[in-house]
Amino acid sequence: IRFIHITAVFILVIITESNVTFGLEPPQDVKIVGSDLQWKPLNDDNVL
């Protein structure tokens, strides 16, 4: 039963990772200005 549980968790992690894609546009102009790390946000308010 323990082996089946570990296998299920492993499969769930693989499924979760497989749902993550790298197709999102990255933040632009990441730089340090004075004492601030800043970057330009995307034109999408839902992006974190």
ModelCIF file with pLDDT and N, C-alpha, C, O atoms, coordinates in Angstrom:
data_MODEL
#
_entry.id   MODEL 
#
_entity.id                         1 
_entity.type                       polymer 
_entity.pdbx_number_of_molecules   1 
#
_entity_poly.entity_id                      1 
_entity_poly.type                           'polypeptide(L)' 
_entity_poly.nstd_linkage                   no 
_entity_poly.nstd_monomer                   no 
_entity_poly.pdbx_seq_one_letter_code       IRFIHITAVFILVIITESNVTFGLEPPQDVKIVGSDLQWKPLNDDNVL 
_entity_poly.pdbx_seq_one_letter_code_can   IRFIHITAVFILVIITESNVTFGLEPPQDVKIVGSDLQWKPLNDDNVL 
_entity_poly.pdbx_strand_id                 A 
#
loop_
_entity_poly_seq.entity_id 
_entity_poly_seq.num 
_entity_poly_seq.mon_id 
_entity_poly_seq.hetero 
1 1  ILE n 
1 2  ARG n 
1 3  PHE n 
1 4  ILE n 
1 5  HIS n 
1 6  ILE n 
1 7  THR n 
1 8  ALA n 
1 9  VAL n 
1 10 PHE n 
1 11 ILE n 
1 12 LEU n 
1 13 VAL n 
1 14 ILE n 
1 15 ILE n 
1 16 THR n 
1 17 GLU n 
1 18 SER n 
1 19 ASN n 
1 20 VAL n 
1 21 THR n 
1 22 PHE n 
1 23 GLY n 
1 24 LEU n 
1 25 GLU n 
1 26 PRO n 
1 27 PRO n 
1 28 GLN n 
1 29 ASP n 
1 30 VAL n 
1 31 LYS n 
1 32 ILE n 
1 33 VAL n 
1 34 GLY n 
1 35 SER n 
1 36 ASP n 
1 37 LEU n 
1 38 GLN n 
1 39 TRP n 
1 40 LYS n 
1 41 PRO n 
1 42 LEU n 
1 43 ASN n 
1 44 ASP n 
1 45 ASP n 
1 46 ASN n 
1 47 VAL n 
1 48 LEU n 
#
_struct_asym.id          A 
_struct_asym.entity_id   1 
#
loop_
_ma_qa_metric.id 
_ma_qa_metric.mode 
_ma_qa_metric.name 
_ma_qa_metric.software_group_id 
_ma_qa_metric.type 
1 global pLDDT . pLDDT 
2 local  pLDDT . pLDDT 
#
_ma_qa_metric_global.metric_id      1 
_ma_qa_metric_global.metric_value   72.29 
_ma_qa_metric_global.model_id       1 
_ma_qa_metric_global.ordinal_id     1 
#
loop_
_ma_qa_metric_local.label_asym_id 
_ma_qa_metric_local.label_comp_id 
_ma_qa_metric_local.label_seq_id 
_ma_qa_metric_local.metric_id 
_ma_qa_metric_local.metric_value 
_ma_qa_metric_local.model_id 
_ma_qa_metric_local.ordinal_id 
A ILE 1  2 56.00 1 1  
A ARG 2  2 50.00 1 2  
A PHE 3  2 49.00 1 3  
A ILE 4  2 52.00 1 4  
A HIS 5  2 46.00 1 5  
A ILE 6  2 48.00 1 6  
A THR 7  2 53.00 1 7  
A ALA 8  2 48.00 1 8  
A VAL 9  2 41.00 1 9  
A PHE 10 2 46.00 1 10 
A ILE 11 2 48.00 1 11 
A LEU 12 2 43.00 1 12 
A VAL 13 2 41.00 1 13 
A ILE 14 2 44.00 1 14 
A ILE 15 2 42.00 1 15 
A THR 16 2 44.00 1 16 
A GLU 17 2 44.00 1 17 
A SER 18 2 44.00 1 18 
A ASN 19 2 49.00 1 19 
A VAL 20 2 56.00 1 20 
A THR 21 2 67.00 1 21 
A PHE 22 2 69.00 1 22 
A GLY 23 2 77.00 1 23 
A LEU 24 2 90.00 1 24 
A GLU 25 2 92.00 1 25 
A PRO 26 2 93.00 1 26 
A PRO 27 2 93.00 1 27 
A GLN 28 2 92.00 1 28 
A ASP 29 2 93.00 1 29 
A VAL 30 2 95.00 1 30 
A LYS 31 2 94.00 1 31 
A ILE 32 2 94.00 1 32 
A VAL 33 2 92.00 1 33 
A GLY 34 2 90.00 1 34 
A SER 35 2 92.00 1 35 
A ASP 36 2 94.00 1 36 
A LEU 37 2 96.00 1 37 
A GLN 38 2 95.00 1 38 
A TRP 39 2 95.00 1 39 
A LYS 40 2 94.00 1 40 
A PRO 41 2 91.00 1 41 
A LEU 42 2 91.00 1 42 
A ASN 43 2 90.00 1 43 
A ASP 44 2 89.00 1 44 
A ASP 45 2 88.00 1 45 
A ASN 46 2 91.00 1 46 
A VAL 47 2 94.00 1 47 
A LEU 48 2 95.00 1 48 
#
loop_
_atom_site.group_PDB 
_atom_site.id 
_atom_site.type_symbol 
_atom_site.label_atom_id 
_atom_site.label_alt_id 
_atom_site.label_comp_id 
_atom_site.label_asym_id 
_atom_site.label_entity_id 
_atom_site.label_seq_id 
_atom_site.pdbx_PDB_ins_code 
_atom_site.Cartn_x 
_atom_site.Cartn_y 
_atom_site.Cartn_z 
_atom_site.occupancy 
_atom_site.B_iso_or_equiv 
_atom_site.pdbx_formal_charge 
_atom_site.auth_seq_id 
_atom_site.auth_comp_id 
_atom_site.auth_asym_id 
_atom_site.auth_atom_id 
_atom_site.pdbx_PDB_model_num 
ATOM 1   N N  . ILE A 1 1  ? 0.836  -1.204 0.000   1.00 56.00 ? 1  ILE A N  1 
ATOM 2   C CA . ILE A 1 1  ? 0.000  0.000  0.000   1.00 56.00 ? 1  ILE A CA 1 
ATOM 3   C C  . ILE A 1 1  ? 0.869  1.253  0.000   1.00 56.00 ? 1  ILE A C  1 
ATOM 4   O O  . ILE A 1 1  ? 0.547  2.234  -0.671  1.00 56.00 ? 1  ILE A O  1 
ATOM 5   N N  . ARG A 1 2  ? 1.986  1.224  0.761   1.00 50.00 ? 2  ARG A N  1 
ATOM 6   C CA . ARG A 1 2  ? 2.892  2.379  0.796   1.00 50.00 ? 2  ARG A CA 1 
ATOM 7   C C  . ARG A 1 2  ? 3.511  2.628  -0.571  1.00 50.00 ? 2  ARG A C  1 
ATOM 8   O O  . ARG A 1 2  ? 3.658  3.779  -0.984  1.00 50.00 ? 2  ARG A O  1 
ATOM 9   N N  . PHE A 1 3  ? 3.871  1.575  -1.270  1.00 49.00 ? 3  PHE A N  1 
ATOM 10  C CA . PHE A 1 3  ? 4.452  1.716  -2.606  1.00 49.00 ? 3  PHE A CA 1 
ATOM 11  C C  . PHE A 1 3  ? 3.445  2.347  -3.561  1.00 49.00 ? 3  PHE A C  1 
ATOM 12  O O  . PHE A 1 3  ? 3.804  3.201  -4.372  1.00 49.00 ? 3  PHE A O  1 
ATOM 13  N N  . ILE A 1 4  ? 2.172  1.923  -3.463  1.00 52.00 ? 4  ILE A N  1 
ATOM 14  C CA . ILE A 1 4  ? 1.135  2.485  -4.333  1.00 52.00 ? 4  ILE A CA 1 
ATOM 15  C C  . ILE A 1 4  ? 0.929  3.958  -4.028  1.00 52.00 ? 4  ILE A C  1 
ATOM 16  O O  . ILE A 1 4  ? 0.709  4.752  -4.942  1.00 52.00 ? 4  ILE A O  1 
ATOM 17  N N  . HIS A 1 5  ? 0.997  4.336  -2.756  1.00 46.00 ? 5  HIS A N  1 
ATOM 18  C CA . HIS A 1 5  ? 0.815  5.735  -2.372  1.00 46.00 ? 5  HIS A CA 1 
ATOM 19  C C  . HIS A 1 5  ? 1.937  6.610  -2.931  1.00 46.00 ? 5  HIS A C  1 
ATOM 20  O O  . HIS A 1 5  ? 1.676  7.678  -3.485  1.00 46.00 ? 5  HIS A O  1 
ATOM 21  N N  . ILE A 1 6  ? 3.196  6.155  -2.786  1.00 48.00 ? 6  ILE A N  1 
ATOM 22  C CA . ILE A 1 6  ? 4.331  6.917  -3.307  1.00 48.00 ? 6  ILE A CA 1 
ATOM 23  C C  . ILE A 1 6  ? 4.237  7.055  -4.823  1.00 48.00 ? 6  ILE A C  1 
ATOM 24  O O  . ILE A 1 6  ? 4.533  8.117  -5.369  1.00 48.00 ? 6  ILE A O  1 
ATOM 25  N N  . THR A 1 7  ? 3.833  6.000  -5.495  1.00 53.00 ? 7  THR A N  1 
ATOM 26  C CA . THR A 1 7  ? 3.703  6.050  -6.959  1.00 53.00 ? 7  THR A CA 1 
ATOM 27  C C  . THR A 1 7  ? 2.629  7.051  -7.374  1.00 53.00 ? 7  THR A C  1 
ATOM 28  O O  . THR A 1 7  ? 2.802  7.784  -8.348  1.00 53.00 ? 7  THR A O  1 
ATOM 29  N N  . ALA A 1 8  ? 1.528  7.084  -6.639  1.00 48.00 ? 8  ALA A N  1 
ATOM 30  C CA . ALA A 1 8  ? 0.452  8.023  -6.973  1.00 48.00 ? 8  ALA A CA 1 
ATOM 31  C C  . ALA A 1 8  ? 0.903  9.461  -6.809  1.00 48.00 ? 8  ALA A C  1 
ATOM 32  O O  . ALA A 1 8  ? 0.587  10.313 -7.640  1.00 48.00 ? 8  ALA A O  1 
ATOM 33  N N  . VAL A 1 9  ? 1.651  9.740  -5.725  1.00 41.00 ? 9  VAL A N  1 
ATOM 34  C CA . VAL A 1 9  ? 2.145  11.106 -5.505  1.00 41.00 ? 9  VAL A CA 1 
ATOM 35  C C  . VAL A 1 9  ? 3.115  11.497 -6.603  1.00 41.00 ? 9  VAL A C  1 
ATOM 36  O O  . VAL A 1 9  ? 3.084  12.629 -7.085  1.00 41.00 ? 9  VAL A O  1 
ATOM 37  N N  . PHE A 1 10 ? 3.982  10.566 -7.005  1.00 46.00 ? 10 PHE A N  1 
ATOM 38  C CA . PHE A 1 10 ? 4.947  10.849 -8.069  1.00 46.00 ? 10 PHE A CA 1 
ATOM 39  C C  . PHE A 1 10 ? 4.240  11.156 -9.394  1.00 46.00 ? 10 PHE A C  1 
ATOM 40  O O  . PHE A 1 10 ? 4.625  12.077 -10.113 1.00 46.00 ? 10 PHE A O  1 
ATOM 41  N N  . ILE A 1 11 ? 3.221  10.386 -9.699  1.00 48.00 ? 11 ILE A N  1 
ATOM 42  C CA . ILE A 1 11 ? 2.477  10.622 -10.937 1.00 48.00 ? 11 ILE A CA 1 
ATOM 43  C C  . ILE A 1 11 ? 1.766  11.971 -10.887 1.00 48.00 ? 11 ILE A C  1 
ATOM 44  O O  . ILE A 1 11 ? 1.692  12.674 -11.894 1.00 48.00 ? 11 ILE A O  1 
ATOM 45  N N  . LEU A 1 12 ? 1.239  12.336 -9.702  1.00 43.00 ? 12 LEU A N  1 
ATOM 46  C CA . LEU A 1 12 ? 0.550  13.614 -9.559  1.00 43.00 ? 12 LEU A CA 1 
ATOM 47  C C  . LEU A 1 12 ? 1.505  14.779 -9.769  1.00 43.00 ? 12 LEU A C  1 
ATOM 48  O O  . LEU A 1 12 ? 1.145  15.785 -10.381 1.00 43.00 ? 12 LEU A O  1 
ATOM 49  N N  . VAL A 1 13 ? 2.720  14.639 -9.259  1.00 41.00 ? 13 VAL A N  1 
ATOM 50  C CA . VAL A 1 13 ? 3.711  15.700 -9.447  1.00 41.00 ? 13 VAL A CA 1 
ATOM 51  C C  . VAL A 1 13 ? 4.072  15.841 -10.917 1.00 41.00 ? 13 VAL A C  1 
ATOM 52  O O  . VAL A 1 13 ? 4.210  16.953 -11.426 1.00 41.00 ? 13 VAL A O  1 
ATOM 53  N N  . ILE A 1 14 ? 4.225  14.700 -11.604 1.00 44.00 ? 14 ILE A N  1 
ATOM 54  C CA . ILE A 1 14 ? 4.556  14.750 -13.032 1.00 44.00 ? 14 ILE A CA 1 
ATOM 55  C C  . ILE A 1 14 ? 3.434  15.419 -13.815 1.00 44.00 ? 14 ILE A C  1 
ATOM 56  O O  . ILE A 1 14 ? 3.685  16.208 -14.725 1.00 44.00 ? 14 ILE A O  1 
ATOM 57  N N  . ILE A 1 15 ? 2.197  15.098 -13.455 1.00 42.00 ? 15 ILE A N  1 
ATOM 58  C CA . ILE A 1 15 ? 1.057  15.698 -14.169 1.00 42.00 ? 15 ILE A CA 1 
ATOM 59  C C  . ILE A 1 15 ? 1.008  17.199 -13.931 1.00 42.00 ? 15 ILE A C  1 
ATOM 60  O O  . ILE A 1 15 ? 0.736  17.982 -14.842 1.00 42.00 ? 15 ILE A O  1 
ATOM 61  N N  . THR A 1 16 ? 1.282  17.591 -12.661 1.00 44.00 ? 16 THR A N  1 
ATOM 62  C CA . THR A 1 16 ? 1.251  19.017 -12.338 1.00 44.00 ? 16 THR A CA 1 
ATOM 63  C C  . THR A 1 16 ? 2.332  19.769 -13.096 1.00 44.00 ? 16 THR A C  1 
ATOM 64  O O  . THR A 1 16 ? 2.087  20.843 -13.644 1.00 44.00 ? 16 THR A O  1 
ATOM 65  N N  . GLU A 1 17 ? 3.535  19.196 -13.124 1.00 44.00 ? 17 GLU A N  1 
ATOM 66  C CA . GLU A 1 17 ? 4.619  19.850 -13.833 1.00 44.00 ? 17 GLU A CA 1 
ATOM 67  C C  . GLU A 1 17 ? 4.369  19.879 -15.333 1.00 44.00 ? 17 GLU A C  1 
ATOM 68  O O  . GLU A 1 17 ? 4.759  20.821 -16.024 1.00 44.00 ? 17 GLU A O  1 
ATOM 69  N N  . SER A 1 18 ? 3.718  18.844 -15.822 1.00 44.00 ? 18 SER A N  1 
ATOM 70  C CA . SER A 1 18 ? 3.463  18.799 -17.273 1.00 44.00 ? 18 SER A CA 1 
ATOM 71  C C  . SER A 1 18 ? 2.445  19.846 -17.698 1.00 44.00 ? 18 SER A C  1 
ATOM 72  O O  . SER A 1 18 ? 2.392  20.241 -18.862 1.00 44.00 ? 18 SER A O  1 
ATOM 73  N N  . ASN A 1 19 ? 1.632  20.292 -16.735 1.00 49.00 ? 19 ASN A N  1 
ATOM 74  C CA . ASN A 1 19 ? 0.643  21.316 -17.071 1.00 49.00 ? 19 ASN A CA 1 
ATOM 75  C C  . ASN A 1 19 ? 1.252  22.706 -17.117 1.00 49.00 ? 19 ASN A C  1 
ATOM 76  O O  . ASN A 1 19 ? 0.633  23.632 -17.641 1.00 49.00 ? 19 ASN A O  1 
ATOM 77  N N  . VAL A 1 20 ? 2.488  22.874 -16.563 1.00 56.00 ? 20 VAL A N  1 
ATOM 78  C CA . VAL A 1 20 ? 3.157  24.167 -16.576 1.00 56.00 ? 20 VAL A CA 1 
ATOM 79  C C  . VAL A 1 20 ? 3.921  24.314 -17.886 1.00 56.00 ? 20 VAL A C  1 
ATOM 80  O O  . VAL A 1 20 ? 4.709  23.444 -18.258 1.00 56.00 ? 20 VAL A O  1 
ATOM 81  N N  . THR A 1 21 ? 3.687  25.393 -18.562 1.00 67.00 ? 21 THR A N  1 
ATOM 82  C CA . THR A 1 21 ? 4.354  25.642 -19.851 1.00 67.00 ? 21 THR A CA 1 
ATOM 83  C C  . THR A 1 21 ? 5.175  26.913 -19.761 1.00 67.00 ? 21 THR A C  1 
ATOM 84  O O  . THR A 1 21 ? 4.941  27.766 -18.905 1.00 67.00 ? 21 THR A O  1 
ATOM 85  N N  . PHE A 1 22 ? 6.148  27.026 -20.666 1.00 69.00 ? 22 PHE A N  1 
ATOM 86  C CA . PHE A 1 22 ? 7.046  28.175 -20.679 1.00 69.00 ? 22 PHE A CA 1 
ATOM 87  C C  . PHE A 1 22 ? 6.717  29.135 -21.824 1.00 69.00 ? 22 PHE A C  1 
ATOM 88  O O  . PHE A 1 22 ? 7.606  29.797 -22.359 1.00 69.00 ? 22 PHE A O  1 
ATOM 89  N N  . GLY A 1 23 ? 5.498  29.204 -22.179 1.00 77.00 ? 23 GLY A N  1 
ATOM 90  C CA . GLY A 1 23 ? 5.134  30.051 -23.310 1.00 77.00 ? 23 GLY A CA 1 
ATOM 91  C C  . GLY A 1 23 ? 4.853  31.498 -22.954 1.00 77.00 ? 23 GLY A C  1 
ATOM 92  O O  . GLY A 1 23 ? 4.548  32.301 -23.836 1.00 77.00 ? 23 GLY A O  1 
ATOM 93  N N  . LEU A 1 24 ? 4.952  31.854 -21.649 1.00 90.00 ? 24 LEU A N  1 
ATOM 94  C CA . LEU A 1 24 ? 4.627  33.220 -21.240 1.00 90.00 ? 24 LEU A CA 1 
ATOM 95  C C  . LEU A 1 24 ? 5.811  34.140 -21.501 1.00 90.00 ? 24 LEU A C  1 
ATOM 96  O O  . LEU A 1 24 ? 6.973  33.754 -21.369 1.00 90.00 ? 24 LEU A O  1 
ATOM 97  N N  . GLU A 1 25 ? 5.475  35.364 -21.874 1.00 92.00 ? 25 GLU A N  1 
ATOM 98  C CA . GLU A 1 25 ? 6.520  36.357 -22.158 1.00 92.00 ? 25 GLU A CA 1 
ATOM 99  C C  . GLU A 1 25 ? 7.203  36.775 -20.855 1.00 92.00 ? 25 GLU A C  1 
ATOM 100 O O  . GLU A 1 25 ? 6.508  37.048 -19.875 1.00 92.00 ? 25 GLU A O  1 
ATOM 101 N N  . PRO A 1 26 ? 8.534  36.836 -20.806 1.00 93.00 ? 26 PRO A N  1 
ATOM 102 C CA . PRO A 1 26 ? 9.248  37.203 -19.580 1.00 93.00 ? 26 PRO A CA 1 
ATOM 103 C C  . PRO A 1 26 ? 9.193  38.711 -19.325 1.00 93.00 ? 26 PRO A C  1 
ATOM 104 O O  . PRO A 1 26 ? 8.907  39.480 -20.244 1.00 93.00 ? 26 PRO A O  1 
ATOM 105 N N  . PRO A 1 27 ? 9.466  39.143 -18.088 1.00 93.00 ? 27 PRO A N  1 
ATOM 106 C CA . PRO A 1 27 ? 9.542  40.578 -17.807 1.00 93.00 ? 27 PRO A CA 1 
ATOM 107 C C  . PRO A 1 27 ? 10.728 41.198 -18.539 1.00 93.00 ? 27 PRO A C  1 
ATOM 108 O O  . PRO A 1 27 ? 11.738 40.535 -18.775 1.00 93.00 ? 27 PRO A O  1 
ATOM 109 N N  . GLN A 1 28 ? 10.600 42.449 -18.889 1.00 92.00 ? 28 GLN A N  1 
ATOM 110 C CA . GLN A 1 28 ? 11.610 43.118 -19.683 1.00 92.00 ? 28 GLN A CA 1 
ATOM 111 C C  . GLN A 1 28 ? 12.434 44.094 -18.825 1.00 92.00 ? 28 GLN A C  1 
ATOM 112 O O  . GLN A 1 28 ? 11.987 44.619 -17.805 1.00 92.00 ? 28 GLN A O  1 
ATOM 113 N N  . ASP A 1 29 ? 13.646 44.294 -19.304 1.00 93.00 ? 29 ASP A N  1 
ATOM 114 C CA . ASP A 1 29 ? 14.532 45.322 -18.723 1.00 93.00 ? 29 ASP A CA 1 
ATOM 115 C C  . ASP A 1 29 ? 14.718 45.141 -17.205 1.00 93.00 ? 29 ASP A C  1 
ATOM 116 O O  . ASP A 1 29 ? 14.506 46.069 -16.425 1.00 93.00 ? 29 ASP A O  1 
ATOM 117 N N  . VAL A 1 30 ? 15.120 43.923 -16.811 1.00 95.00 ? 30 VAL A N  1 
ATOM 118 C CA . VAL A 1 30 ? 15.405 43.664 -15.394 1.00 95.00 ? 30 VAL A CA 1 
ATOM 119 C C  . VAL A 1 30 ? 16.774 44.278 -15.072 1.00 95.00 ? 30 VAL A C  1 
ATOM 120 O O  . VAL A 1 30 ? 17.791 43.899 -15.653 1.00 95.00 ? 30 VAL A O  1 
ATOM 121 N N  . LYS A 1 31 ? 16.776 45.219 -14.148 1.00 94.00 ? 31 LYS A N  1 
ATOM 122 C CA . LYS A 1 31 ? 18.019 45.924 -13.820 1.00 94.00 ? 31 LYS A CA 1 
ATOM 123 C C  . LYS A 1 31 ? 17.943 46.503 -12.417 1.00 94.00 ? 31 LYS A C  1 
ATOM 124 O O  . LYS A 1 31 ? 16.883 46.563 -11.795 1.00 94.00 ? 31 LYS A O  1 
ATOM 125 N N  . ILE A 1 32 ? 19.110 46.927 -11.942 1.00 94.00 ? 32 ILE A N  1 
ATOM 126 C CA . ILE A 1 32 ? 19.210 47.554 -10.628 1.00 94.00 ? 32 ILE A CA 1 
ATOM 127 C C  . ILE A 1 32 ? 19.466 49.034 -10.835 1.00 94.00 ? 32 ILE A C  1 
ATOM 128 O O  . ILE A 1 32 ? 20.466 49.415 -11.443 1.00 94.00 ? 32 ILE A O  1 
ATOM 129 N N  . VAL A 1 33 ? 18.579 49.864 -10.337 1.00 92.00 ? 33 VAL A N  1 
ATOM 130 C CA . VAL A 1 33 ? 18.697 51.311 -10.435 1.00 92.00 ? 33 VAL A CA 1 
ATOM 131 C C  . VAL A 1 33 ? 18.811 51.858 -9.019  1.00 92.00 ? 33 VAL A C  1 
ATOM 132 O O  . VAL A 1 33 ? 17.866 51.785 -8.233  1.00 92.00 ? 33 VAL A O  1 
ATOM 133 N N  . GLY A 1 34 ? 19.973 52.403 -8.707  1.00 90.00 ? 34 GLY A N  1 
ATOM 134 C CA . GLY A 1 34 ? 20.178 52.863 -7.342  1.00 90.00 ? 34 GLY A CA 1 
ATOM 135 C C  . GLY A 1 34 ? 20.112 51.690 -6.386  1.00 90.00 ? 34 GLY A C  1 
ATOM 136 O O  . GLY A 1 34 ? 20.904 50.754 -6.488  1.00 90.00 ? 34 GLY A O  1 
ATOM 137 N N  . SER A 1 35 ? 19.166 51.737 -5.454  1.00 92.00 ? 35 SER A N  1 
ATOM 138 C CA . SER A 1 35 ? 18.972 50.641 -4.497  1.00 92.00 ? 35 SER A CA 1 
ATOM 139 C C  . SER A 1 35 ? 17.721 49.835 -4.806  1.00 92.00 ? 35 SER A C  1 
ATOM 140 O O  . SER A 1 35 ? 17.225 49.121 -3.934  1.00 92.00 ? 35 SER A O  1 
ATOM 141 N N  . ASP A 1 36 ? 17.194 49.929 -6.035  1.00 94.00 ? 36 ASP A N  1 
ATOM 142 C CA . ASP A 1 36 ? 15.965 49.236 -6.410  1.00 94.00 ? 36 ASP A CA 1 
ATOM 143 C C  . ASP A 1 36 ? 16.213 48.250 -7.539  1.00 94.00 ? 36 ASP A C  1 
ATOM 144 O O  . ASP A 1 36 ? 16.850 48.566 -8.544  1.00 94.00 ? 36 ASP A O  1 
ATOM 145 N N  . LEU A 1 37 ? 15.682 47.027 -7.338  1.00 96.00 ? 37 LEU A N  1 
ATOM 146 C CA . LEU A 1 37 ? 15.588 46.068 -8.439  1.00 96.00 ? 37 LEU A CA 1 
ATOM 147 C C  . LEU A 1 37 ? 14.228 46.298 -9.108  1.00 96.00 ? 37 LEU A C  1 
ATOM 148 O O  . LEU A 1 37 ? 13.191 46.233 -8.448  1.00 96.00 ? 37 LEU A O  1 
ATOM 149 N N  . GLN A 1 38 ? 14.235 46.563 -10.408 1.00 95.00 ? 38 GLN A N  1 
ATOM 150 C CA . GLN A 1 38 ? 12.981 46.864 -11.085 1.00 95.00 ? 38 GLN A CA 1 
ATOM 151 C C  . GLN A 1 38 ? 12.965 46.237 -12.478 1.00 95.00 ? 38 GLN A C  1 
ATOM 152 O O  . GLN A 1 38 ? 14.005 45.871 -13.026 1.00 95.00 ? 38 GLN A O  1 
ATOM 153 N N  . TRP A 1 39 ? 11.766 46.122 -13.032 1.00 95.00 ? 39 TRP A N  1 
ATOM 154 C CA . TRP A 1 39 ? 11.566 45.550 -14.362 1.00 95.00 ? 39 TRP A CA 1 
ATOM 155 C C  . TRP A 1 39 ? 10.280 46.121 -14.961 1.00 95.00 ? 39 TRP A C  1 
ATOM 156 O O  . TRP A 1 39 ? 9.434  46.662 -14.249 1.00 95.00 ? 39 TRP A O  1 
ATOM 157 N N  . LYS A 1 40 ? 10.154 45.993 -16.256 1.00 94.00 ? 40 LYS A N  1 
ATOM 158 C CA . LYS A 1 40 ? 8.952  46.482 -16.947 1.00 94.00 ? 40 LYS A CA 1 
ATOM 159 C C  . LYS A 1 40 ? 7.892  45.386 -16.952 1.00 94.00 ? 40 LYS A C  1 
ATOM 160 O O  . LYS A 1 40 ? 8.165  44.259 -17.365 1.00 94.00 ? 40 LYS A O  1 
ATOM 161 N N  . PRO A 1 41 ? 6.690  45.710 -16.498 1.00 91.00 ? 41 PRO A N  1 
ATOM 162 C CA . PRO A 1 41 ? 5.632  44.686 -16.464 1.00 91.00 ? 41 PRO A CA 1 
ATOM 163 C C  . PRO A 1 41 ? 5.051  44.433 -17.860 1.00 91.00 ? 41 PRO A C  1 
ATOM 164 O O  . PRO A 1 41 ? 5.211  45.237 -18.779 1.00 91.00 ? 41 PRO A O  1 
ATOM 165 N N  . LEU A 1 42 ? 4.382  43.301 -17.983 1.00 91.00 ? 42 LEU A N  1 
ATOM 166 C CA . LEU A 1 42 ? 3.708  42.978 -19.238 1.00 91.00 ? 42 LEU A CA 1 
ATOM 167 C C  . LEU A 1 42 ? 2.375  43.731 -19.332 1.00 91.00 ? 42 LEU A C  1 
ATOM 168 O O  . LEU A 1 42 ? 1.864  44.237 -18.333 1.00 91.00 ? 42 LEU A O  1 
ATOM 169 N N  . ASN A 1 43 ? 1.844  43.795 -20.497 1.00 90.00 ? 43 ASN A N  1 
ATOM 170 C CA . ASN A 1 43 ? 0.555  44.473 -20.704 1.00 90.00 ? 43 ASN A CA 1 
ATOM 171 C C  . ASN A 1 43 ? -0.602 43.547 -20.364 1.00 90.00 ? 43 ASN A C  1 
ATOM 172 O O  . ASN A 1 43 ? -1.527 43.359 -21.154 1.00 90.00 ? 43 ASN A O  1 
ATOM 173 N N  . ASP A 1 44 ? -0.531 42.991 -19.203 1.00 89.00 ? 44 ASP A N  1 
ATOM 174 C CA . ASP A 1 44 ? -1.568 42.064 -18.750 1.00 89.00 ? 44 ASP A CA 1 
ATOM 175 C C  . ASP A 1 44 ? -1.642 42.166 -17.230 1.00 89.00 ? 44 ASP A C  1 
ATOM 176 O O  . ASP A 1 44 ? -0.685 41.826 -16.536 1.00 89.00 ? 44 ASP A O  1 
ATOM 177 N N  . ASP A 1 45 ? -2.763 42.628 -16.719 1.00 88.00 ? 45 ASP A N  1 
ATOM 178 C CA . ASP A 1 45 ? -2.898 42.820 -15.282 1.00 88.00 ? 45 ASP A CA 1 
ATOM 179 C C  . ASP A 1 45 ? -2.987 41.511 -14.510 1.00 88.00 ? 45 ASP A C  1 
ATOM 180 O O  . ASP A 1 45 ? -2.859 41.520 -13.286 1.00 88.00 ? 45 ASP A O  1 
ATOM 181 N N  . ASN A 1 46 ? -3.200 40.400 -15.178 1.00 91.00 ? 46 ASN A N  1 
ATOM 182 C CA . ASN A 1 46 ? -3.318 39.102 -14.512 1.00 91.00 ? 46 ASN A CA 1 
ATOM 183 C C  . ASN A 1 46 ? -1.969 38.397 -14.342 1.00 91.00 ? 46 ASN A C  1 
ATOM 184 O O  . ASN A 1 46 ? -1.886 37.331 -13.731 1.00 91.00 ? 46 ASN A O  1 
ATOM 185 N N  . VAL A 1 47 ? -0.948 38.990 -14.875 1.00 94.00 ? 47 VAL A N  1 
ATOM 186 C CA . VAL A 1 47 ? 0.384  38.392 -14.786 1.00 94.00 ? 47 VAL A CA 1 
ATOM 187 C C  . VAL A 1 47 ? 1.004  38.730 -13.424 1.00 94.00 ? 47 VAL A C  1 
ATOM 188 O O  . VAL A 1 47 ? 0.967  39.876 -12.976 1.00 94.00 ? 47 VAL A O  1 
ATOM 189 N N  . LEU A 1 48 ? 1.575  37.703 -12.777 1.00 95.00 ? 48 LEU A N  1 
ATOM 190 C CA . LEU A 1 48 ? 2.272  37.868 -11.504 1.00 95.00 ? 48 LEU A CA 1 
ATOM 191 C C  . LEU A 1 48 ? 3.780  37.667 -11.712 1.00 95.00 ? 48 LEU A C  1 
ATOM 192 O O  . LEU A 1 48 ? 4.553  37.764 -10.758 1.00 95.00 ? 48 LEU A O  1 
#
